Amino acid sequence: MALKDLNAVERNEAGIATVLGILKQRFGERFQTGRAIREQHAHTTTYIPVQAPDGVAFAETAEEVQEIVRACAEHRVPVIAFGAGTSLEGAVNAPGGGISIDMSRMNRVIAVNPQDLDCTVEPGITRHELNDYLRDTGLFFPIDPGANASLGGMAATRASGTNAVRYGTMRDNVLSLTAVLADGRTITTGKRAKKSSAGYDLTRLMVGSEGTLGVITSLTLKLAGIPQAISGGVCPFPTVDQACEAVIATIQMGIPVARIELVNALQMRAMIAYSKLDYPESPCLFLEFHGSDAGVAEQAESFGEIAAEFGGGPFIWTSVAEERNKLWKARHDAYWASLGLRPGSRGLSTDVCVPISRLAECIVETEADIAELGLIAPIVGHVGDGNFHTLVLMDPADPRDIELAEEFVARLNARALRMDGTCTGEHGIGQGKIGFIEEEIGTNGVDVMRSIKAALDPDNILNPGKIWPARGG
């Protein structure tokens, strides 16, 4: 079944027309219906077709979010929360039209509690903006998905990133949040205490719900101290298999690595050309260690010994910030570097996550699939927790390209599930992976999700058409 058919959402033309009039009168210039801006709020960085909302409201307060949701609830019109638009699985598309709530103006820091290592922020603030604000406190927010995403969007998709092996994911770093429900009520899911056994874990329910259960209006986040010292570097390996085995050994030996990223030979070729790196065109691990001066040196040396056991090296590392920043800038630019491998192409970025003991096997089989299907698809990965990404370069106007890309993604997801992994380590389900959710958690699990959704959003107005297939789809 084609992706576009999986979750068709019926439009409520009369309701949409009424709400457009209400919001235009209420918000004036902060409510836009021009085609360009609507398409910007449905754009996706993959090949999934744009499905634009009917209007975009720029909310500035939680009370305004409530007003918008209440108007949409009264007239049964879809509501899609929009952060920075960096999602990769069509999560901000509007298959049934409706209203996009742009949260970018809700970007204030509400409170910072340095002694408790936490802060409370509005959802539209990006991770770069928050860390700039925190710089003089000696603290930082460690979750780094690569893109300068909004914190609300990162929570909604349960984002992760390069630092996850040491600091965890958004699931581990959101202490509590406030959200507007489908009927306009606001809930607060917890306090600032580091743990609680009070009732259902509503925070974790909202984190990762992709805007289908509520619109997040504030978040209380864990912070970490900026390390005294940081060391990092790049280590080449003859094969991806050997690089993965070195990762497994590093984690199993308990070396407290902060970042450990894999790039395969094809990805390294693209990065060398794009970022002017002076490294061999072979599979490489990018690593970073946090701690004391003596600690990061010891950790780097220990990893170098492990790498040598698996044929890797030399591991060239540094504590000089400028040199480290160049390496990580190259890693974060991997997407743009990859596009140069097939000029004029678009990238279908997909990810899976498996138990680390199956990582090498999964990546090696995936590379074999890429070769068999004749694809250009470099691999990068946050491999310290078994997560890796593949960017399939394709022409979205070529049906054969789409067919091959979808065949590859289906094989990749099936492989990850067969290895007791997940079809998405951090991108979310959105529209792009709704065909795989039942295979991962089972029909009964999806039915429980549907029941929760029906209880909190009986009219299905919050980001409809996402996460699971329509019944009979």
Protein backbone atom coordinates (compact mmCIF):
# COMPACT_ATOMS: atom_id res chain seq x y z
CA MET A 1 0.00 0.00 0.00
CA ALA A 2 1.37 3.44 -0.91
CA LEU A 3 2.39 5.75 1.90
CA LYS A 4 -0.17 8.36 0.88
CA ASP A 5 -3.00 5.85 1.37
CA LEU A 6 -2.04 4.68 4.84
CA ASN A 7 -3.64 7.45 6.83
CA ALA A 8 -6.03 9.52 4.79
CA VAL A 9 -7.88 12.03 7.01
CA GLU A 10 -11.25 13.38 5.94
CA ARG A 11 -11.43 17.16 5.68
CA ASN A 12 -14.05 19.11 7.61
CA GLU A 13 -14.53 21.94 5.14
CA ALA A 14 -17.24 23.79 7.05
CA GLY A 15 -15.39 23.60 10.35
CA ILE A 16 -12.11 24.72 8.77
CA ALA A 17 -13.79 27.73 7.14
CA THR A 18 -15.32 28.76 10.46
CA VAL A 19 -12.07 28.44 12.40
CA LEU A 20 -10.12 30.36 9.77
CA GLY A 21 -12.49 33.27 10.28
CA ILE A 22 -12.30 33.08 14.08
CA LEU A 23 -8.49 32.96 14.20
CA LYS A 24 -8.01 35.67 11.58
CA GLN A 25 -10.19 38.02 13.62
CA ARG A 26 -8.47 37.10 16.88
CA PHE A 27 -4.80 37.06 15.80
CA GLY A 28 -4.67 39.43 12.83
CA GLU A 29 -1.20 39.36 11.24
CA ARG A 30 -0.18 36.53 13.55
CA PHE A 31 -2.50 34.24 11.60
CA GLN A 32 -1.38 33.51 8.06
CA THR A 33 -3.07 31.62 5.22
CA GLY A 34 -0.68 32.31 2.33
CA ARG A 35 0.34 29.23 0.38
CA ALA A 36 4.11 29.65 0.86
CA ILE A 37 3.96 29.93 4.63
CA ARG A 38 1.48 27.06 4.90
CA GLU A 39 3.78 24.82 2.87
CA GLN A 40 6.74 25.85 5.03
CA HIS A 41 4.81 24.53 8.01
CA ALA A 42 4.29 21.16 6.40
CA HIS A 43 7.69 20.77 4.84
CA THR A 44 9.60 17.61 5.45
CA THR A 45 13.28 16.85 4.92
CA THR A 46 12.46 13.56 3.27
CA TYR A 47 10.47 12.58 0.18
CA ILE A 48 7.06 12.40 1.88
CA PRO A 49 4.74 14.75 -0.05
CA VAL A 50 3.85 18.08 1.54
CA GLN A 51 0.33 18.24 3.03
CA ALA A 52 -0.14 21.84 4.08
CA PRO A 53 -2.42 23.13 6.85
CA ASP A 54 -5.11 25.68 6.03
CA GLY A 55 -3.69 28.33 8.35
CA VAL A 56 -0.72 29.03 10.61
CA ALA A 57 -1.20 30.70 14.00
CA PHE A 58 1.83 32.20 15.74
CA ALA A 59 1.08 31.71 19.43
CA GLU A 60 2.95 33.73 22.03
CA THR A 61 1.53 32.36 25.28
CA ALA A 62 0.09 29.17 26.68
CA GLU A 63 -3.27 30.92 26.96
CA GLU A 64 -3.24 31.61 23.24
CA VAL A 65 -2.52 27.95 22.55
CA GLN A 66 -5.60 27.15 24.65
CA GLU A 67 -7.70 29.58 22.62
CA ILE A 68 -6.62 28.03 19.34
CA VAL A 69 -7.20 24.47 20.51
CA ARG A 70 -10.62 25.33 21.97
CA ALA A 71 -11.73 26.93 18.71
CA CYS A 72 -10.56 23.90 16.76
CA ALA A 73 -12.15 21.49 19.25
CA GLU A 74 -15.52 23.24 19.01
CA HIS A 75 -15.54 22.88 15.22
CA ARG A 76 -13.65 19.55 14.99
CA VAL A 77 -10.68 20.96 13.08
CA PRO A 78 -7.19 19.36 13.21
CA VAL A 79 -4.41 21.03 15.20
CA ILE A 80 -0.73 20.39 14.42
CA ALA A 81 1.97 21.81 16.70
CA PHE A 82 5.04 23.09 14.82
CA GLY A 83 8.47 23.70 16.33
CA ALA A 84 11.45 24.10 14.01
CA GLY A 85 10.28 21.76 11.25
CA THR A 86 13.25 19.39 11.48
CA SER A 87 11.23 16.18 11.83
CA LEU A 88 12.03 13.44 9.34
CA GLU A 89 8.91 11.28 9.09
CA GLY A 90 6.18 13.71 8.02
CA ALA A 91 5.16 14.43 11.61
CA VAL A 92 4.08 18.02 10.87
CA ASN A 93 2.08 17.26 7.74
CA ALA A 94 -1.65 18.06 7.77
CA PRO A 95 -3.37 15.22 5.85
CA GLY A 96 -6.81 16.54 6.81
CA GLY A 97 -5.87 20.23 6.69
CA GLY A 98 -6.46 22.30 9.79
CA ILE A 99 -4.40 24.72 11.85
CA SER A 100 -0.65 24.67 12.46
CA ILE A 101 0.37 26.29 15.75
CA ASP A 102 3.83 27.78 15.27
CA MET A 103 5.56 27.75 18.67
CA SER A 104 8.70 29.68 17.66
CA ARG A 105 7.64 32.84 19.53
CA MET A 106 7.18 30.86 22.73
CA ASN A 107 10.93 30.69 23.24
CA ARG A 108 11.50 32.07 26.71
CA VAL A 109 13.46 30.56 29.60
CA ILE A 110 11.01 30.59 32.48
CA ALA A 111 13.39 29.56 35.29
CA VAL A 112 16.84 28.11 35.88
CA ASN A 113 17.61 26.29 39.13
CA PRO A 114 21.40 25.82 39.11
CA GLN A 115 21.56 24.06 42.47
CA ASP A 116 18.99 21.50 41.34
CA LEU A 117 20.46 21.14 37.83
CA ASP A 118 17.17 21.87 36.06
CA CYS A 119 15.36 24.57 34.13
CA THR A 120 11.86 25.32 32.85
CA VAL A 121 11.42 26.62 29.31
CA GLU A 122 8.77 27.31 26.71
CA PRO A 123 8.54 24.78 23.87
CA GLY A 124 9.72 27.00 21.02
CA ILE A 125 13.22 27.60 22.37
CA THR A 126 15.87 25.68 20.46
CA ARG A 127 18.66 23.70 22.06
CA HIS A 128 21.25 26.22 20.81
CA GLU A 129 19.28 29.13 22.29
CA LEU A 130 18.97 27.35 25.63
CA ASN A 131 22.66 26.50 25.82
CA ASP A 132 23.62 30.07 24.89
CA TYR A 133 21.41 31.27 27.75
CA LEU A 134 22.98 28.77 30.17
CA ARG A 135 26.61 29.42 29.20
CA ASP A 136 27.48 31.58 32.23
CA THR A 137 25.90 29.14 34.70
CA GLY A 138 28.38 26.34 34.08
CA LEU A 139 25.49 24.11 32.96
CA PHE A 140 24.26 22.83 29.62
CA PHE A 141 21.45 20.80 28.11
CA PRO A 142 23.16 17.75 26.61
CA ILE A 143 20.66 16.26 24.15
CA ASP A 144 22.02 16.92 20.66
CA PRO A 145 20.02 15.55 17.71
CA GLY A 146 22.22 17.41 15.25
CA ALA A 147 19.62 19.85 13.98
CA ASN A 148 18.91 22.99 15.99
CA ALA A 149 15.50 21.62 16.92
CA SER A 150 12.99 23.16 19.32
CA LEU A 151 12.82 21.61 22.78
CA GLY A 152 9.07 21.06 22.47
CA GLY A 153 9.54 19.21 19.21
CA MET A 154 12.40 17.18 20.67
CA ALA A 155 10.15 16.11 23.54
CA ALA A 156 7.24 15.34 21.24
CA THR A 157 9.37 13.01 19.10
CA ARG A 158 11.40 11.61 22.02
CA ALA A 159 14.57 12.83 20.31
CA SER A 160 18.04 11.58 21.02
CA GLY A 161 21.40 12.28 19.40
CA THR A 162 25.15 12.13 19.66
CA ASN A 163 25.35 12.46 23.47
CA ALA A 164 22.73 9.82 24.26
CA VAL A 165 25.21 7.12 25.24
CA ARG A 166 26.24 9.22 28.28
CA TYR A 167 23.31 11.55 28.96
CA GLY A 168 20.31 9.58 27.70
CA THR A 169 17.46 10.75 25.47
CA MET A 170 14.62 13.24 25.88
CA ARG A 171 12.71 10.53 27.72
CA ASP A 172 15.39 10.62 30.42
CA ASN A 173 15.78 14.39 30.57
CA VAL A 174 12.23 15.77 30.79
CA LEU A 175 11.20 16.00 34.44
CA SER A 176 7.72 17.34 33.76
CA LEU A 177 5.75 19.39 31.27
CA THR A 178 2.53 21.28 30.74
CA ALA A 179 0.29 20.54 27.78
CA VAL A 180 -3.02 21.67 26.35
CA LEU A 181 -5.34 18.71 25.75
CA ALA A 182 -7.78 18.32 22.88
CA ASP A 183 -10.64 19.92 24.84
CA GLY A 184 -8.54 22.95 25.83
CA ARG A 185 -7.74 21.87 29.37
CA THR A 186 -4.14 22.30 30.58
CA ILE A 187 -2.38 19.59 32.55
CA THR A 188 0.91 19.60 34.45
CA THR A 189 2.47 16.17 34.51
CA GLY A 190 4.76 16.48 37.54
CA LYS A 191 7.01 18.54 39.78
CA ARG A 192 10.75 19.21 39.76
CA ALA A 193 11.65 16.29 41.99
CA LYS A 194 14.06 13.87 40.34
CA LYS A 195 11.75 10.93 40.96
CA SER A 196 8.14 10.23 41.85
CA SER A 197 5.85 7.23 42.29
CA ALA A 198 2.66 9.30 42.24
CA GLY A 199 0.24 7.69 39.83
CA TYR A 200 0.59 7.17 36.10
CA ASP A 201 3.69 8.59 34.43
CA LEU A 202 1.98 11.28 32.38
CA THR A 203 5.29 12.91 31.49
CA ARG A 204 6.50 9.80 29.67
CA LEU A 205 3.11 9.42 28.06
CA MET A 206 3.40 12.87 26.49
CA VAL A 207 7.09 12.55 25.59
CA GLY A 208 7.13 10.77 22.26
CA SER A 209 3.40 11.18 21.56
CA GLU A 210 4.20 13.37 18.50
CA GLY A 211 1.53 15.95 19.30
CA THR A 212 -1.30 13.41 19.17
CA LEU A 213 -2.25 13.68 22.86
CA GLY A 214 -1.55 17.31 23.72
CA VAL A 215 0.25 20.50 22.68
CA ILE A 216 3.26 21.05 24.93
CA THR A 217 3.44 24.59 26.38
CA SER A 218 6.36 24.26 28.82
CA LEU A 219 9.03 21.76 29.83
CA THR A 220 11.12 21.22 32.93
CA LEU A 221 14.43 19.71 31.87
CA LYS A 222 17.44 18.14 33.55
CA LEU A 223 20.73 19.97 33.05
CA ALA A 224 24.31 18.76 33.32
CA GLY A 225 27.50 20.46 34.39
CA ILE A 226 29.84 21.57 31.62
CA PRO A 227 32.75 19.13 31.85
CA GLN A 228 36.09 20.35 33.18
CA ALA A 229 37.81 18.78 30.21
CA ILE A 230 36.75 17.26 26.89
CA SER A 231 38.84 15.16 24.56
CA GLY A 232 37.83 13.80 21.19
CA GLY A 233 39.08 12.45 17.93
CA VAL A 234 38.66 10.17 14.96
CA CYS A 235 39.73 6.55 14.58
CA PRO A 236 39.73 4.73 11.20
CA PHE A 237 39.02 1.00 10.78
CA PRO A 238 39.47 -1.40 7.88
CA THR A 239 35.82 -2.49 7.97
CA VAL A 240 32.50 -1.45 9.48
CA ASP A 241 32.38 -4.81 11.27
CA GLN A 242 35.66 -4.09 13.08
CA ALA A 243 34.53 -0.58 14.00
CA CYS A 244 31.31 -1.95 15.48
CA GLU A 245 33.16 -4.61 17.44
CA ALA A 246 35.35 -1.88 18.93
CA VAL A 247 32.21 0.03 19.95
CA ILE A 248 30.76 -3.03 21.64
CA ALA A 249 33.99 -3.68 23.54
CA THR A 250 34.23 -0.03 24.62
CA ILE A 251 30.71 -0.01 26.05
CA GLN A 252 31.04 -3.42 27.68
CA MET A 253 34.29 -2.39 29.39
CA GLY A 254 32.48 0.56 30.97
CA ILE A 255 34.55 3.34 29.44
CA PRO A 256 32.37 6.44 30.05
CA VAL A 257 32.35 7.67 26.47
CA ALA A 258 30.15 10.74 25.88
CA ARG A 259 29.86 10.38 22.11
CA ILE A 260 30.77 7.50 19.83
CA GLU A 261 29.64 7.96 16.23
CA LEU A 262 30.16 5.67 13.25
CA VAL A 263 30.49 6.78 9.64
CA ASN A 264 30.95 4.17 6.94
CA ALA A 265 33.42 4.53 4.07
CA LEU A 266 30.91 6.13 1.70
CA GLN A 267 29.84 8.66 4.31
CA MET A 268 33.48 9.42 5.09
CA ARG A 269 34.15 10.07 1.39
CA ALA A 270 31.33 12.61 1.33
CA MET A 271 32.51 14.30 4.53
CA ILE A 272 36.11 14.54 3.32
CA ALA A 273 34.95 16.32 0.17
CA TYR A 274 32.41 18.58 1.89
CA SER A 275 34.27 19.48 5.10
CA LYS A 276 37.85 19.23 3.76
CA LEU A 277 38.91 16.60 6.28
CA ASP A 278 42.33 14.97 6.21
CA TYR A 279 41.35 11.41 7.12
CA PRO A 280 41.37 8.09 5.26
CA GLU A 281 38.35 7.17 3.18
CA SER A 282 37.40 4.23 5.40
CA PRO A 283 34.91 3.50 8.17
CA CYS A 284 35.66 5.77 11.12
CA LEU A 285 34.53 6.31 14.68
CA PHE A 286 34.19 9.86 16.01
CA LEU A 287 34.54 9.92 19.80
CA GLU A 288 34.34 12.36 22.67
CA PHE A 289 35.10 11.94 26.38
CA HIS A 290 33.98 14.22 29.24
CA GLY A 291 35.54 14.54 32.68
CA SER A 292 38.75 15.76 34.34
CA ASP A 293 41.99 16.43 32.46
CA ALA A 294 43.45 13.15 33.67
CA GLY A 295 40.20 11.27 33.15
CA VAL A 296 39.64 12.21 29.51
CA ALA A 297 43.26 11.43 28.66
CA GLU A 298 42.99 8.01 30.29
CA GLN A 299 39.70 7.27 28.52
CA ALA A 300 41.13 8.24 25.13
CA GLU A 301 44.20 6.07 25.67
CA SER A 302 42.07 3.12 26.77
CA PHE A 303 39.93 3.41 23.66
CA GLY A 304 43.04 3.58 21.47
CA GLU A 305 44.14 0.24 22.92
CA ILE A 306 40.73 -1.32 22.23
CA ALA A 307 40.70 0.04 18.68
CA ALA A 308 44.11 -1.49 17.99
CA GLU A 309 42.82 -4.91 19.10
CA PHE A 310 40.23 -4.71 16.30
CA GLY A 311 42.59 -3.47 13.61
CA GLY A 312 41.74 0.21 14.05
CA GLY A 313 43.91 3.25 14.42
CA PRO A 314 45.76 5.31 14.87
CA PHE A 315 43.31 7.08 17.19
CA ILE A 316 44.23 10.74 16.88
CA TRP A 317 42.64 12.74 19.68
CA THR A 318 42.83 16.26 21.03
CA SER A 319 41.62 18.41 23.91
CA VAL A 320 41.83 21.62 21.84
CA ALA A 321 38.30 22.96 21.47
CA GLU A 322 38.77 24.42 17.99
CA GLU A 323 40.00 21.10 16.60
CA ARG A 324 37.20 19.14 18.26
CA ASN A 325 34.60 21.58 17.02
CA LYS A 326 35.79 21.12 13.44
CA LEU A 327 35.32 17.35 13.76
CA TRP A 328 31.81 17.63 15.17
CA LYS A 329 30.83 20.32 12.67
CA ALA A 330 31.78 17.83 9.95
CA ARG A 331 29.72 15.12 11.65
CA HIS A 332 26.67 17.38 11.97
CA ASP A 333 27.04 18.39 8.29
CA ALA A 334 26.94 14.74 7.19
CA TYR A 335 23.45 15.14 5.69
CA TRP A 336 24.51 18.02 3.43
CA ALA A 337 27.77 16.28 2.60
CA SER A 338 25.86 13.18 1.53
CA LEU A 339 23.74 15.06 -1.00
CA GLY A 340 26.93 15.72 -2.96
CA LEU A 341 27.22 12.01 -3.68
CA ARG A 342 24.26 12.34 -6.06
CA PRO A 343 23.79 15.99 -7.06
CA GLY A 344 20.16 17.03 -7.41
CA SER A 345 18.88 14.17 -5.28
CA ARG A 346 16.74 14.23 -2.15
CA GLY A 347 17.53 12.21 0.92
CA LEU A 348 15.29 9.70 2.64
CA SER A 349 16.73 9.59 6.15
CA THR A 350 15.74 6.57 8.19
CA ASP A 351 16.98 5.06 11.42
CA VAL A 352 16.76 1.90 13.49
CA CYS A 353 18.16 0.84 16.84
CA VAL A 354 19.18 -2.66 17.94
CA PRO A 355 20.76 -4.20 21.04
CA ILE A 356 24.43 -3.33 20.85
CA SER A 357 25.40 -7.01 20.62
CA ARG A 358 23.61 -7.17 17.23
CA LEU A 359 24.93 -3.84 15.92
CA ALA A 360 27.76 -5.13 13.75
CA GLU A 361 25.58 -7.82 12.19
CA CYS A 362 22.77 -5.36 11.48
CA ILE A 363 25.00 -2.77 9.79
CA VAL A 364 26.89 -5.34 7.71
CA GLU A 365 23.61 -6.84 6.45
CA THR A 366 22.30 -3.34 5.74
CA GLU A 367 25.34 -2.49 3.62
CA ALA A 368 24.78 -5.72 1.69
CA ASP A 369 21.16 -4.66 1.03
CA ILE A 370 22.33 -1.27 -0.23
CA ALA A 371 24.71 -2.95 -2.67
CA GLU A 372 22.10 -5.48 -3.84
CA LEU A 373 19.51 -2.78 -4.56
CA GLY A 374 22.05 -0.53 -6.28
CA LEU A 375 21.42 2.40 -3.95
CA ILE A 376 23.63 5.27 -2.88
CA ALA A 377 22.99 5.32 0.86
CA PRO A 378 25.71 6.35 3.33
CA ILE A 379 25.47 5.27 6.98
CA VAL A 380 26.08 7.23 10.16
CA GLY A 381 25.19 6.16 13.66
CA HIS A 382 24.99 7.01 17.34
CA VAL A 383 26.36 3.53 17.76
CA GLY A 384 27.09 3.73 21.47
CA ASP A 385 23.44 2.84 22.04
CA GLY A 386 22.95 0.67 18.94
CA ASN A 387 21.34 3.40 16.81
CA PHE A 388 22.28 4.14 13.20
CA HIS A 389 20.90 6.16 10.28
CA THR A 390 20.91 5.57 6.56
CA LEU A 391 20.35 8.35 4.03
CA VAL A 392 18.96 6.95 0.77
CA LEU A 393 19.66 9.38 -2.07
CA MET A 394 16.83 9.36 -4.54
CA ASP A 395 14.87 11.26 -7.16
CA PRO A 396 11.36 11.71 -5.68
CA ALA A 397 9.97 12.16 -9.19
CA ASP A 398 11.20 8.71 -10.25
CA PRO A 399 8.74 5.95 -9.24
CA ARG A 400 11.48 3.32 -9.49
CA ASP A 401 13.68 5.26 -7.07
CA ILE A 402 10.79 5.48 -4.60
CA GLU A 403 10.05 1.78 -4.99
CA LEU A 404 13.67 0.81 -4.28
CA ALA A 405 13.95 3.19 -1.34
CA GLU A 406 10.76 1.87 0.26
CA GLU A 407 11.89 -1.71 -0.33
CA PHE A 408 15.16 -0.91 1.43
CA VAL A 409 13.43 0.76 4.39
CA ALA A 410 11.07 -2.21 4.75
CA ARG A 411 14.01 -4.63 4.80
CA LEU A 412 15.91 -2.47 7.28
CA ASN A 413 12.97 -2.22 9.67
CA ALA A 414 12.25 -5.94 9.44
CA ARG A 415 15.91 -6.69 10.18
CA ALA A 416 15.95 -4.44 13.24
CA LEU A 417 12.75 -5.98 14.59
CA ARG A 418 14.08 -9.48 13.96
CA MET A 419 17.11 -8.54 16.06
CA ASP A 420 14.85 -7.38 18.91
CA GLY A 421 15.33 -3.74 18.01
CA THR A 422 13.05 -0.90 16.96
CA CYS A 423 12.06 0.55 13.60
CA THR A 424 12.89 4.04 14.87
CA GLY A 425 15.50 4.89 17.48
CA GLU A 426 14.81 8.62 17.50
CA HIS A 427 12.98 9.91 14.40
CA GLY A 428 9.51 8.91 15.56
CA ILE A 429 6.76 7.21 13.56
CA GLY A 430 4.95 10.19 12.01
CA GLN A 431 3.59 9.14 8.64
CA GLY A 432 6.72 7.51 7.29
CA LYS A 433 6.79 4.48 9.59
CA ILE A 434 3.14 3.88 10.42
CA GLY A 435 3.30 0.69 8.40
CA PHE A 436 5.71 -0.86 10.92
CA ILE A 437 4.34 0.06 14.35
CA GLU A 438 2.04 -2.97 14.71
CA GLU A 439 4.84 -5.33 13.77
CA GLU A 440 6.97 -3.80 16.52
CA ILE A 441 4.57 -3.64 19.46
CA GLY A 442 1.76 -5.91 18.30
CA THR A 443 -1.93 -5.40 17.60
CA ASN A 444 -2.81 -5.35 21.29
CA GLY A 445 -0.20 -2.70 21.98
CA VAL A 446 -1.51 -0.49 19.19
CA ASP A 447 -5.07 -1.01 20.43
CA VAL A 448 -4.01 0.29 23.86
CA MET A 449 -2.55 3.35 22.16
CA ARG A 450 -5.78 3.86 20.24
CA SER A 451 -7.75 3.63 23.51
CA ILE A 452 -5.59 6.29 25.16
CA LYS A 453 -5.96 8.51 22.11
CA ALA A 454 -9.75 8.03 22.06
CA ALA A 455 -10.01 8.89 25.75
CA LEU A 456 -7.98 12.10 25.47
CA ASP A 457 -8.91 13.14 21.94
CA PRO A 458 -12.25 11.56 21.00
CA ASP A 459 -12.69 13.74 17.91
CA ASN A 460 -9.15 13.01 16.67
CA ILE A 461 -8.16 16.64 16.18
CA LEU A 462 -4.59 16.51 17.55
CA ASN A 463 -2.16 15.73 14.72
CA PRO A 464 -4.41 13.11 13.10
CA GLY A 465 -3.07 10.56 10.66
CA LYS A 466 0.14 9.84 12.55
CA ILE A 467 1.77 6.93 14.42
CA TRP A 468 -0.57 4.04 13.51
CA PRO A 469 -2.54 3.10 10.40
CA ALA A 470 -6.20 3.92 10.10
CA ARG A 471 -8.33 0.88 10.88
CA GLY A 472 -8.47 -1.35 7.84
CA GLY A 473 -5.41 0.43 6.40
